[in-house]
């Protein structure tokens, strides 16, 4: 291999290695500065990080705001209408902070309490941050799925408990909500 080719190959390898190192450092920096948004249901389920910063989004629960006299310490609960998470914040709250309003708090969990370093409140009556609305909708969808699974399990248990000769009781136990009694089955009426 002639010296010019050897120099070009060495330079190309160095450029590739430098680009790899730069990409790795950039990825690490972005991951350290990234704070994910979690709903109170996520926090209660344990899917929020236990030892890292994250954002908690939801609605300030009615009747939960407590201020410590003579200090800037405020305690309140953030809810997604399914689960509640206690929050502590020491500092000046935004002017628009109030009960039953959307809020995003940035902080970390410590001994079952979310210690917020920053609290952001929504800016008008009809606005809810899209991330918060999405998390609340996901929590409601999970709750609806869990309820449907419980209803199905209860229906199955009722069908098993019905006497073997009682076809009407078994049909009622296995009937889906919204089905009319005596209507043909969803599989085309074949039984």
N, C-alpha and C. Protein backbone atom coordinates (compact mmCIF):
# COMPACT_ATOMS: atom_id res chain seq x y z
N UNK A 1 0.86 -1.16 0.00
CA UNK A 1 0.00 0.00 0.00
C UNK A 1 0.92 1.23 0.00
N UNK A 2 0.60 2.16 -0.90
CA UNK A 2 1.47 3.33 -0.98
C UNK A 2 1.15 4.31 0.15
N UNK A 3 2.05 5.23 0.49
CA UNK A 3 1.89 6.12 1.65
C UNK A 3 0.67 7.04 1.55
N UNK A 4 0.27 7.46 0.37
CA UNK A 4 -0.89 8.35 0.22
C UNK A 4 -2.17 7.59 0.60
N UNK A 5 -2.30 6.38 0.12
CA UNK A 5 -3.48 5.57 0.46
C UNK A 5 -3.52 5.28 1.96
N UNK A 6 -2.37 5.01 2.53
CA UNK A 6 -2.28 4.71 3.96
C UNK A 6 -2.71 5.93 4.78
N UNK A 7 -2.31 7.14 4.35
CA UNK A 7 -2.72 8.38 5.04
C UNK A 7 -4.22 8.58 4.92
N UNK A 8 -4.76 8.38 3.74
CA UNK A 8 -6.22 8.54 3.52
C UNK A 8 -7.02 7.55 4.36
N UNK A 9 -6.57 6.31 4.42
CA UNK A 9 -7.25 5.28 5.21
C UNK A 9 -7.20 5.63 6.69
N UNK A 10 -6.04 6.08 7.16
CA UNK A 10 -5.91 6.48 8.57
C UNK A 10 -6.82 7.65 8.89
N UNK A 11 -6.86 8.64 7.99
CA UNK A 11 -7.74 9.80 8.18
C UNK A 11 -9.21 9.39 8.19
N UNK A 12 -9.61 8.51 7.28
CA UNK A 12 -11.00 8.04 7.23
C UNK A 12 -11.37 7.31 8.52
N UNK A 13 -10.49 6.46 9.01
CA UNK A 13 -10.76 5.73 10.26
C UNK A 13 -10.88 6.70 11.43
N UNK A 14 -10.01 7.69 11.50
CA UNK A 14 -10.08 8.69 12.58
C UNK A 14 -11.38 9.49 12.52
N UNK A 15 -11.82 9.87 11.33
CA UNK A 15 -13.08 10.61 11.18
C UNK A 15 -14.25 9.75 11.64
N UNK A 16 -14.26 8.47 11.28
CA UNK A 16 -15.35 7.57 11.68
C UNK A 16 -15.36 7.38 13.20
N UNK A 17 -14.20 7.20 13.79
CA UNK A 17 -14.12 7.04 15.25
C UNK A 17 -14.57 8.31 15.95
N UNK A 18 -14.14 9.48 15.47
CA UNK A 18 -14.54 10.75 16.07
C UNK A 18 -16.05 10.96 15.97
N UNK A 19 -16.62 10.61 14.82
CA UNK A 19 -18.07 10.74 14.66
C UNK A 19 -18.82 9.80 15.61
N UNK A 20 -18.31 8.60 15.81
CA UNK A 20 -18.93 7.65 16.74
C UNK A 20 -18.88 8.15 18.17
N UNK A 21 -17.71 8.68 18.57
CA UNK A 21 -17.57 9.23 19.93
C UNK A 21 -18.51 10.41 20.12
N UNK A 22 -18.58 11.31 19.13
CA UNK A 22 -19.47 12.48 19.22
C UNK A 22 -20.93 12.05 19.32
N UNK A 23 -21.33 11.07 18.53
CA UNK A 23 -22.71 10.58 18.59
C UNK A 23 -23.01 9.96 19.95
N UNK A 24 -22.07 9.20 20.50
CA UNK A 24 -22.27 8.60 21.82
C UNK A 24 -22.40 9.64 22.91
N UNK A 25 -21.55 10.66 22.89
CA UNK A 25 -21.64 11.74 23.88
C UNK A 25 -22.94 12.53 23.75
N UNK A 26 -23.36 12.79 22.53
CA UNK A 26 -24.61 13.51 22.30
C UNK A 26 -25.80 12.71 22.83
N UNK A 27 -25.81 11.42 22.57
CA UNK A 27 -26.90 10.56 23.06
C UNK A 27 -26.94 10.55 24.59
N UNK A 28 -25.79 10.43 25.22
CA UNK A 28 -25.74 10.43 26.69
C UNK A 28 -26.24 11.75 27.25
N UNK A 29 -25.83 12.86 26.65
CA UNK A 29 -26.26 14.18 27.13
C UNK A 29 -27.76 14.35 27.00
N UNK A 30 -28.31 13.91 25.88
CA UNK A 30 -29.76 14.05 25.68
C UNK A 30 -30.54 13.17 26.65
N UNK A 31 -30.06 11.98 26.92
CA UNK A 31 -30.76 11.09 27.84
C UNK A 31 -30.74 11.63 29.26
N UNK A 32 -29.64 12.26 29.65
CA UNK A 32 -29.55 12.80 31.01
C UNK A 32 -30.46 14.01 31.19
N UNK A 33 -30.68 14.78 30.14
CA UNK A 33 -31.51 15.99 30.23
C UNK A 33 -32.97 15.73 29.92
N UNK A 34 -33.30 14.54 29.50
CA UNK A 34 -34.66 14.23 29.11
C UNK A 34 -35.50 13.89 30.33
N UNK A 35 -36.64 14.54 30.46
CA UNK A 35 -37.57 14.22 31.54
C UNK A 35 -38.90 13.81 30.91
N UNK A 36 -39.29 12.58 31.16
CA UNK A 36 -40.51 12.04 30.57
C UNK A 36 -41.73 12.46 31.39
N UNK A 37 -42.87 12.57 30.72
CA UNK A 37 -44.12 12.91 31.37
C UNK A 37 -44.84 11.63 31.78
N UNK A 38 -45.25 11.57 33.04
CA UNK A 38 -46.00 10.42 33.55
C UNK A 38 -47.27 10.90 34.22
N UNK A 39 -48.31 10.11 34.13
CA UNK A 39 -49.57 10.41 34.81
C UNK A 39 -49.51 9.83 36.23
N UNK A 40 -50.41 10.26 37.11
CA UNK A 40 -50.45 9.65 38.44
C UNK A 40 -50.65 8.13 38.40
N UNK A 41 -51.41 7.63 37.44
CA UNK A 41 -51.59 6.18 37.32
C UNK A 41 -50.26 5.49 37.01
N UNK A 42 -49.44 6.10 36.14
CA UNK A 42 -48.12 5.55 35.84
C UNK A 42 -47.27 5.48 37.11
N UNK A 43 -47.33 6.53 37.90
CA UNK A 43 -46.52 6.59 39.12
C UNK A 43 -46.96 5.52 40.10
N UNK A 44 -48.27 5.37 40.30
CA UNK A 44 -48.79 4.37 41.24
C UNK A 44 -48.47 2.96 40.76
N UNK A 45 -48.53 2.72 39.43
CA UNK A 45 -48.20 1.41 38.87
C UNK A 45 -46.72 1.09 38.99
N UNK A 46 -45.88 2.12 39.15
CA UNK A 46 -44.45 1.91 39.26
C UNK A 46 -43.71 2.04 37.94
N UNK A 47 -44.37 2.53 36.88
CA UNK A 47 -43.69 2.66 35.59
C UNK A 47 -42.91 3.97 35.48
N UNK A 48 -43.05 4.86 36.44
CA UNK A 48 -42.25 6.09 36.47
C UNK A 48 -40.92 5.78 37.16
N UNK A 49 -39.84 6.47 36.77
CA UNK A 49 -38.54 6.17 37.39
C UNK A 49 -38.52 6.51 38.87
N UNK A 50 -37.95 5.63 39.65
CA UNK A 50 -37.93 5.81 41.10
C UNK A 50 -36.83 6.77 41.54
N UNK A 51 -35.76 6.86 40.78
CA UNK A 51 -34.61 7.64 41.22
C UNK A 51 -34.20 8.74 40.25
N UNK A 52 -35.02 9.02 39.25
CA UNK A 52 -34.66 10.01 38.24
C UNK A 52 -35.74 11.10 38.16
N UNK A 53 -35.36 12.21 37.58
CA UNK A 53 -36.29 13.32 37.37
C UNK A 53 -37.31 12.91 36.31
N UNK A 54 -38.55 13.33 36.49
CA UNK A 54 -39.57 13.18 35.47
C UNK A 54 -40.63 14.24 35.69
N UNK A 55 -41.53 14.37 34.72
CA UNK A 55 -42.62 15.33 34.84
C UNK A 55 -43.89 14.57 35.20
N UNK A 56 -44.64 15.13 36.12
CA UNK A 56 -45.91 14.57 36.55
C UNK A 56 -47.00 15.49 36.03
N UNK A 57 -47.92 14.93 35.24
CA UNK A 57 -48.98 15.75 34.66
C UNK A 57 -50.34 15.26 35.07
N UNK A 58 -51.23 16.19 35.32
CA UNK A 58 -52.60 15.85 35.69
C UNK A 58 -53.35 17.09 36.11
N UNK A 59 -54.29 16.91 37.00
CA UNK A 59 -55.15 17.98 37.48
C UNK A 59 -54.95 18.10 38.99
N UNK A 60 -54.91 19.32 39.50
CA UNK A 60 -54.79 19.53 40.95
C UNK A 60 -56.12 19.10 41.57
N UNK A 61 -56.06 18.14 42.47
CA UNK A 61 -57.27 17.57 43.09
C UNK A 61 -57.95 18.62 43.97
N UNK A 62 -59.26 18.69 43.84
CA UNK A 62 -60.05 19.63 44.62
C UNK A 62 -59.91 19.34 46.10
N UNK A 63 -59.70 20.38 46.91
CA UNK A 63 -59.60 20.25 48.35
C UNK A 63 -58.27 19.72 48.85
N UNK A 64 -57.27 19.61 47.98
CA UNK A 64 -56.01 19.00 48.41
C UNK A 64 -54.90 20.02 48.67
N UNK A 65 -55.08 21.28 48.30
CA UNK A 65 -54.01 22.27 48.45
C UNK A 65 -53.89 22.70 49.91
N UNK A 66 -52.67 22.53 50.45
CA UNK A 66 -52.38 22.93 51.83
C UNK A 66 -51.12 23.78 51.82
N UNK A 67 -51.20 24.96 52.40
CA UNK A 67 -50.04 25.85 52.48
C UNK A 67 -49.57 25.94 53.91
N UNK A 68 -48.25 25.85 54.12
CA UNK A 68 -47.69 25.96 55.46
C UNK A 68 -47.48 27.43 55.76
N UNK A 69 -48.08 27.89 56.84
CA UNK A 69 -48.03 29.31 57.20
C UNK A 69 -46.59 29.77 57.41
N UNK A 70 -46.27 30.94 56.89
CA UNK A 70 -44.96 31.54 57.08
C UNK A 70 -43.87 30.99 56.17
N UNK A 71 -44.22 30.05 55.28
CA UNK A 71 -43.22 29.49 54.37
C UNK A 71 -43.81 29.45 52.96
N UNK A 72 -43.00 29.04 52.01
CA UNK A 72 -43.46 28.87 50.63
C UNK A 72 -43.81 27.41 50.33
N UNK A 73 -43.84 26.56 51.37
CA UNK A 73 -44.12 25.14 51.18
C UNK A 73 -45.60 24.93 50.90
N UNK A 74 -45.87 24.22 49.81
CA UNK A 74 -47.25 23.91 49.42
C UNK A 74 -47.34 22.41 49.18
N UNK A 75 -48.39 21.80 49.71
CA UNK A 75 -48.66 20.38 49.47
C UNK A 75 -50.00 20.29 48.74
N UNK A 76 -50.04 19.44 47.73
CA UNK A 76 -51.29 19.22 46.99
C UNK A 76 -51.21 17.85 46.33
N UNK A 77 -52.31 17.43 45.74
CA UNK A 77 -52.34 16.14 45.05
C UNK A 77 -52.64 16.37 43.58
N UNK A 78 -51.95 15.62 42.74
CA UNK A 78 -52.20 15.64 41.30
C UNK A 78 -52.94 14.35 40.97
N UNK A 79 -54.02 14.46 40.20
CA UNK A 79 -54.85 13.30 39.88
C UNK A 79 -55.08 13.21 38.38
N UNK A 80 -55.32 12.00 37.92
CA UNK A 80 -55.80 11.81 36.55
C UNK A 80 -57.24 11.27 36.60
N UNK A 81 -57.86 11.48 37.74
CA UNK A 81 -59.24 11.06 38.06
C UNK A 81 -59.35 9.56 38.33
N UNK A 82 -58.19 8.85 38.27
CA UNK A 82 -58.17 7.44 38.64
C UNK A 82 -57.25 7.23 39.84
N UNK A 83 -56.09 7.86 39.83
CA UNK A 83 -55.11 7.75 40.90
C UNK A 83 -54.66 9.15 41.31
N UNK A 84 -54.19 9.28 42.55
CA UNK A 84 -53.69 10.55 43.07
C UNK A 84 -52.25 10.37 43.53
N UNK A 85 -51.44 11.43 43.35
CA UNK A 85 -50.06 11.42 43.82
C UNK A 85 -49.84 12.68 44.65
N UNK A 86 -49.37 12.54 45.90
CA UNK A 86 -49.09 13.73 46.71
C UNK A 86 -47.85 14.45 46.19
N UNK A 87 -47.91 15.79 46.18
CA UNK A 87 -46.82 16.61 45.66
C UNK A 87 -46.45 17.65 46.71
N UNK A 88 -45.16 17.89 46.86
CA UNK A 88 -44.66 18.97 47.71
C UNK A 88 -43.83 19.90 46.84
N UNK A 89 -44.05 21.20 47.02
CA UNK A 89 -43.30 22.19 46.26
C UNK A 89 -42.99 23.35 47.19
N UNK A 90 -41.74 23.80 47.17
CA UNK A 90 -41.36 24.96 47.96
C UNK A 90 -40.89 26.03 47.00
N UNK A 91 -41.67 27.09 46.89
CA UNK A 91 -41.35 28.17 45.98
C UNK A 91 -42.62 28.91 45.58
N UNK A 92 -42.45 29.81 44.64
CA UNK A 92 -43.57 30.60 44.15
C UNK A 92 -44.34 29.80 43.11
N UNK A 93 -45.63 29.62 43.35
CA UNK A 93 -46.47 28.93 42.38
C UNK A 93 -46.92 29.91 41.30
N UNK A 94 -47.21 29.42 40.10
CA UNK A 94 -47.72 30.31 39.05
C UNK A 94 -49.05 30.95 39.48
N UNK A 95 -49.33 32.13 38.97
CA UNK A 95 -50.57 32.83 39.30
C UNK A 95 -51.81 32.00 38.94
N UNK A 96 -51.72 31.21 37.89
CA UNK A 96 -52.88 30.44 37.44
C UNK A 96 -53.04 29.10 38.15
N UNK A 97 -52.18 28.81 39.12
CA UNK A 97 -52.28 27.55 39.87
C UNK A 97 -53.50 27.60 40.77
N UNK A 98 -54.36 26.61 40.64
CA UNK A 98 -55.53 26.48 41.52
C UNK A 98 -56.08 25.07 41.40
N UNK A 99 -56.99 24.74 42.28
CA UNK A 99 -57.59 23.41 42.28
C UNK A 99 -58.41 23.21 41.01
N UNK A 100 -58.47 21.97 40.56
CA UNK A 100 -59.22 21.54 39.37
C UNK A 100 -58.65 22.12 38.09
N UNK A 101 -57.36 22.52 38.09
CA UNK A 101 -56.70 23.03 36.90
C UNK A 101 -55.57 22.08 36.51
N UNK A 102 -55.27 22.03 35.23
CA UNK A 102 -54.17 21.18 34.75
C UNK A 102 -52.84 21.73 35.22
N UNK A 103 -51.93 20.82 35.50
CA UNK A 103 -50.63 21.21 36.01
C UNK A 103 -49.59 20.18 35.55
N UNK A 104 -48.36 20.66 35.34
CA UNK A 104 -47.23 19.77 35.09
C UNK A 104 -46.16 20.15 36.10
N UNK A 105 -45.69 19.17 36.87
CA UNK A 105 -44.66 19.41 37.87
C UNK A 105 -43.43 18.59 37.49
N UNK A 106 -42.25 19.19 37.61
CA UNK A 106 -41.00 18.49 37.32
C UNK A 106 -40.27 18.24 38.63
N UNK A 107 -39.90 16.99 38.86
CA UNK A 107 -39.21 16.64 40.10
C UNK A 107 -38.94 15.15 40.16
N UNK A 108 -38.92 14.61 41.38
CA UNK A 108 -38.66 13.18 41.56
C UNK A 108 -39.42 12.67 42.77
N UNK A 109 -39.62 11.34 42.81
CA UNK A 109 -40.30 10.70 43.93
C UNK A 109 -39.32 10.50 45.08
N UNK A 110 -39.75 10.86 46.29
CA UNK A 110 -38.97 10.63 47.50
C UNK A 110 -39.92 10.18 48.59
N UNK A 111 -39.78 8.95 49.04
CA UNK A 111 -40.58 8.39 50.13
C UNK A 111 -42.08 8.54 49.89
N UNK A 112 -42.51 8.22 48.67
CA UNK A 112 -43.93 8.23 48.34
C UNK A 112 -44.52 9.59 48.05
N UNK A 113 -43.69 10.63 48.03
CA UNK A 113 -44.16 11.99 47.74
C UNK A 113 -43.35 12.53 46.57
N UNK A 114 -44.03 13.16 45.62
CA UNK A 114 -43.35 13.77 44.49
C UNK A 114 -42.84 15.14 44.93
N UNK A 115 -41.52 15.31 44.97
CA UNK A 115 -40.90 16.58 45.36
C UNK A 115 -40.65 17.38 44.08
N UNK A 116 -41.44 18.40 43.87
CA UNK A 116 -41.37 19.19 42.64
C UNK A 116 -40.34 20.30 42.76
N UNK A 117 -39.57 20.48 41.70
CA UNK A 117 -38.64 21.60 41.62
C UNK A 117 -39.24 22.74 40.81
N UNK A 118 -40.22 22.39 39.97
CA UNK A 118 -40.87 23.38 39.12
C UNK A 118 -42.32 22.97 38.92
N UNK A 119 -43.23 23.95 38.95
CA UNK A 119 -44.64 23.69 38.71
C UNK A 119 -45.12 24.63 37.62
N UNK A 120 -45.75 24.08 36.60
CA UNK A 120 -46.32 24.86 35.50
C UNK A 120 -47.82 24.67 35.52
N UNK A 121 -48.56 25.76 35.34
CA UNK A 121 -50.02 25.69 35.32
C UNK A 121 -50.53 26.05 33.93
N UNK A 122 -51.72 25.58 33.61
CA UNK A 122 -52.29 25.90 32.30
C UNK A 122 -52.61 27.38 32.20
N UNK A 123 -52.83 27.86 30.98
CA UNK A 123 -52.96 29.30 30.81
C UNK A 123 -54.35 29.81 30.50
N UNK A 124 -55.33 28.98 30.23
CA UNK A 124 -56.71 29.46 30.12
C UNK A 124 -57.68 28.33 30.40
N UNK A 125 -58.95 28.66 30.44
CA UNK A 125 -59.97 27.71 30.88
C UNK A 125 -60.12 26.49 29.98
N UNK A 126 -59.91 26.64 28.66
CA UNK A 126 -60.19 25.52 27.77
C UNK A 126 -58.94 24.73 27.40
N UNK A 127 -57.78 25.10 27.88
CA UNK A 127 -56.55 24.45 27.47
C UNK A 127 -56.11 23.39 28.46
N UNK A 128 -55.73 22.24 27.93
CA UNK A 128 -55.07 21.20 28.72
C UNK A 128 -53.87 20.77 27.88
N UNK A 129 -52.67 20.76 28.47
CA UNK A 129 -51.51 20.35 27.68
C UNK A 129 -51.77 19.01 26.99
N UNK A 130 -51.43 18.91 25.70
CA UNK A 130 -51.73 17.68 24.96
C UNK A 130 -51.15 16.44 25.62
N UNK A 131 -49.95 16.56 26.20
CA UNK A 131 -49.33 15.40 26.84
C UNK A 131 -50.16 14.94 28.03
N UNK A 132 -50.67 15.91 28.81
CA UNK A 132 -51.48 15.57 29.99
C UNK A 132 -52.79 14.93 29.54
N UNK A 133 -53.44 15.53 28.53
CA UNK A 133 -54.70 14.98 28.03
C UNK A 133 -54.50 13.56 27.52
N UNK A 134 -53.39 13.31 26.83
CA UNK A 134 -53.10 11.98 26.31
C UNK A 134 -52.88 10.98 27.44
N UNK A 135 -52.13 11.37 28.46
CA UNK A 135 -51.87 10.47 29.60
C UNK A 135 -53.16 10.16 30.36
N UNK A 136 -54.00 11.17 30.54
CA UNK A 136 -55.28 10.94 31.23
C UNK A 136 -56.15 10.01 30.40
N UNK A 137 -56.18 10.21 29.08
CA UNK A 137 -56.97 9.33 28.21
C UNK A 137 -56.45 7.90 28.27
N UNK A 138 -55.10 7.73 28.28
CA UNK A 138 -54.53 6.39 28.40
C UNK A 138 -54.93 5.73 29.71
N UNK A 139 -54.91 6.49 30.80
CA UNK A 139 -55.28 5.94 32.10
C UNK A 139 -56.75 5.51 32.11
N UNK A 140 -57.61 6.32 31.50
CA UNK A 140 -59.03 5.96 31.44
C UNK A 140 -59.24 4.72 30.57
N UNK A 141 -58.47 4.61 29.46
CA UNK A 141 -58.59 3.44 28.60
C UNK A 141 -58.15 2.17 29.34
N UNK A 142 -57.05 2.27 30.10
CA UNK A 142 -56.59 1.13 30.89
C UNK A 142 -57.64 0.71 31.91
N UNK A 143 -58.26 1.71 32.56
CA UNK A 143 -59.28 1.41 33.56
C UNK A 143 -60.50 0.75 32.90
N UNK A 144 -60.87 1.21 31.71
CA UNK A 144 -62.00 0.63 31.01
C UNK A 144 -61.71 -0.81 30.60
N UNK A 145 -60.47 -1.08 30.15
CA UNK A 145 -60.10 -2.45 29.79
C UNK A 145 -60.13 -3.36 31.02
N UNK A 146 -59.63 -2.86 32.14
CA UNK A 146 -59.63 -3.66 33.37
C UNK A 146 -61.06 -3.96 33.80
N UNK A 147 -61.95 -2.96 33.70
CA UNK A 147 -63.36 -3.15 34.08
C UNK A 147 -64.01 -4.18 33.15
N UNK A 148 -63.73 -4.10 31.85
CA UNK A 148 -64.30 -5.05 30.90
C UNK A 148 -63.81 -6.47 31.20
N UNK A 149 -62.54 -6.60 31.55
CA UNK A 149 -62.00 -7.92 31.90
C UNK A 149 -62.67 -8.47 33.15
N UNK A 150 -62.90 -7.59 34.15
CA UNK A 150 -63.58 -8.02 35.37
C UNK A 150 -65.01 -8.45 35.07
N UNK A 151 -65.71 -7.68 34.23
CA UNK A 151 -67.09 -8.03 33.87
C UNK A 151 -67.14 -9.37 33.14
N UNK A 152 -66.18 -9.59 32.24
CA UNK A 152 -66.13 -10.85 31.50
C UNK A 152 -65.86 -12.02 32.45
N UNK A 153 -64.95 -11.83 33.40
CA UNK A 153 -64.66 -12.89 34.36
C UNK A 153 -65.88 -13.19 35.23
N UNK A 154 -66.60 -12.14 35.63
CA UNK A 154 -67.81 -12.34 36.44
C UNK A 154 -68.87 -13.08 35.64
N UNK A 155 -69.01 -12.73 34.36
CA UNK A 155 -69.98 -13.40 33.49
C UNK A 155 -69.61 -14.87 33.32
N UNK A 156 -68.32 -15.17 33.15
CA UNK A 156 -67.87 -16.56 33.02
C UNK A 156 -68.16 -17.35 34.29
N UNK A 157 -67.92 -16.73 35.45
CA UNK A 157 -68.18 -17.41 36.71
C UNK A 157 -69.67 -17.67 36.87
N UNK A 158 -70.51 -16.72 36.46
CA UNK A 158 -71.96 -16.90 36.56
C UNK A 158 -72.41 -18.04 35.65
N UNK A 159 -71.79 -18.15 34.47
CA UNK A 159 -72.15 -19.22 33.54
C UNK A 159 -71.74 -20.58 34.11
N UNK A 160 -70.62 -20.64 34.81
CA UNK A 160 -70.17 -21.90 35.40
C UNK A 160 -71.03 -22.30 36.59
N UNK A 161 -71.53 -21.32 37.34
CA UNK A 161 -72.33 -21.59 38.52
C UNK A 161 -73.77 -21.95 38.19
N UNK A 162 -74.24 -21.64 36.98
CA UNK A 162 -75.63 -21.91 36.60
C UNK A 162 -75.85 -23.42 36.48
N UNK A 163 -77.05 -23.92 36.88
CA UNK A 163 -77.33 -25.36 36.75
C UNK A 163 -77.25 -25.79 35.29
N UNK A 164 -76.83 -27.02 35.06
CA UNK A 164 -76.59 -27.52 33.70
C UNK A 164 -77.85 -27.49 32.84
N UNK A 165 -79.04 -27.72 33.39
CA UNK A 165 -80.26 -27.78 32.60
C UNK A 165 -80.90 -26.43 32.37
N UNK A 166 -80.38 -25.38 32.94
CA UNK A 166 -81.01 -24.07 32.86
C UNK A 166 -80.38 -23.28 31.71
N UNK A 167 -80.88 -23.52 30.47
CA UNK A 167 -80.32 -22.86 29.28
C UNK A 167 -80.55 -21.36 29.32
N UNK A 168 -81.68 -20.91 29.84
CA UNK A 168 -81.99 -19.47 29.89
C UNK A 168 -81.00 -18.75 30.80
N UNK A 169 -80.65 -19.35 31.94
CA UNK A 169 -79.70 -18.73 32.87
C UNK A 169 -78.31 -18.67 32.24
N UNK A 170 -77.91 -19.76 31.53
CA UNK A 170 -76.60 -19.75 30.88
C UNK A 170 -76.55 -18.71 29.76
N UNK A 171 -77.63 -18.60 28.99
CA UNK A 171 -77.66 -17.61 27.90
C UNK A 171 -77.59 -16.20 28.47
N UNK A 172 -78.29 -15.93 29.55
CA UNK A 172 -78.26 -14.60 30.17
C UNK A 172 -76.88 -14.29 30.73
N UNK A 173 -76.21 -15.30 31.29
CA UNK A 173 -74.89 -15.09 31.88
C UNK A 173 -73.84 -14.82 30.82
N UNK A 174 -74.01 -15.43 29.62
CA UNK A 174 -73.01 -15.24 28.58
C UNK A 174 -73.37 -14.14 27.61
N UNK A 175 -74.50 -13.50 27.81
CA UNK A 175 -74.95 -12.45 26.91
C UNK A 175 -74.08 -11.20 27.07
N UNK A 176 -73.68 -10.62 25.98
CA UNK A 176 -72.87 -9.41 26.00
C UNK A 176 -73.75 -8.21 26.26
N UNK A 177 -73.19 -7.14 26.87
CA UNK A 177 -73.98 -5.93 27.09
C UNK A 177 -74.46 -5.39 25.75
N UNK A 178 -75.72 -5.00 25.67
CA UNK A 178 -76.28 -4.45 24.45
C UNK A 178 -76.98 -5.49 23.60
N UNK A 179 -76.78 -6.80 23.87
CA UNK A 179 -77.47 -7.85 23.12
C UNK A 179 -78.92 -7.92 23.61
N UNK A 180 -79.83 -8.06 22.70
CA UNK A 180 -81.23 -8.18 23.07
C UNK A 180 -81.53 -9.63 23.42
N UNK A 181 -82.35 -9.87 24.46
CA UNK A 181 -82.70 -11.26 24.79
C UNK A 181 -83.42 -11.91 23.63
N UNK A 182 -83.02 -13.13 23.30
CA UNK A 182 -83.68 -13.88 22.22
C UNK A 182 -83.15 -13.51 20.85
N UNK A 183 -82.24 -12.51 20.74
CA UNK A 183 -81.69 -12.12 19.44
C UNK A 183 -80.71 -13.19 19.00
N UNK A 184 -80.48 -13.31 17.69
CA UNK A 184 -79.52 -14.32 17.22
C UNK A 184 -78.13 -14.00 17.75
N UNK A 185 -77.33 -15.03 17.95
CA UNK A 185 -75.99 -14.88 18.47
C UNK A 185 -75.11 -14.18 17.44
N UNK A 186 -73.99 -13.61 17.88
CA UNK A 186 -73.10 -12.86 17.01
C UNK A 186 -72.47 -13.75 15.94
N UNK A 187 -72.47 -15.07 16.14
CA UNK A 187 -71.84 -15.98 15.17
C UNK A 187 -72.82 -16.42 14.09
N UNK A 188 -73.92 -15.68 13.91
CA UNK A 188 -74.86 -15.98 12.83
C UNK A 188 -76.04 -16.79 13.31
N UNK A 189 -76.23 -16.94 14.61
CA UNK A 189 -77.40 -17.65 15.13
C UNK A 189 -77.16 -19.14 15.27
N UNK A 190 -76.01 -19.63 14.96
CA UNK A 190 -75.72 -21.05 15.07
C UNK A 190 -75.33 -21.36 16.51
N UNK A 191 -75.91 -22.34 17.11
CA UNK A 191 -75.55 -22.73 18.48
C UNK A 191 -75.23 -24.17 18.55
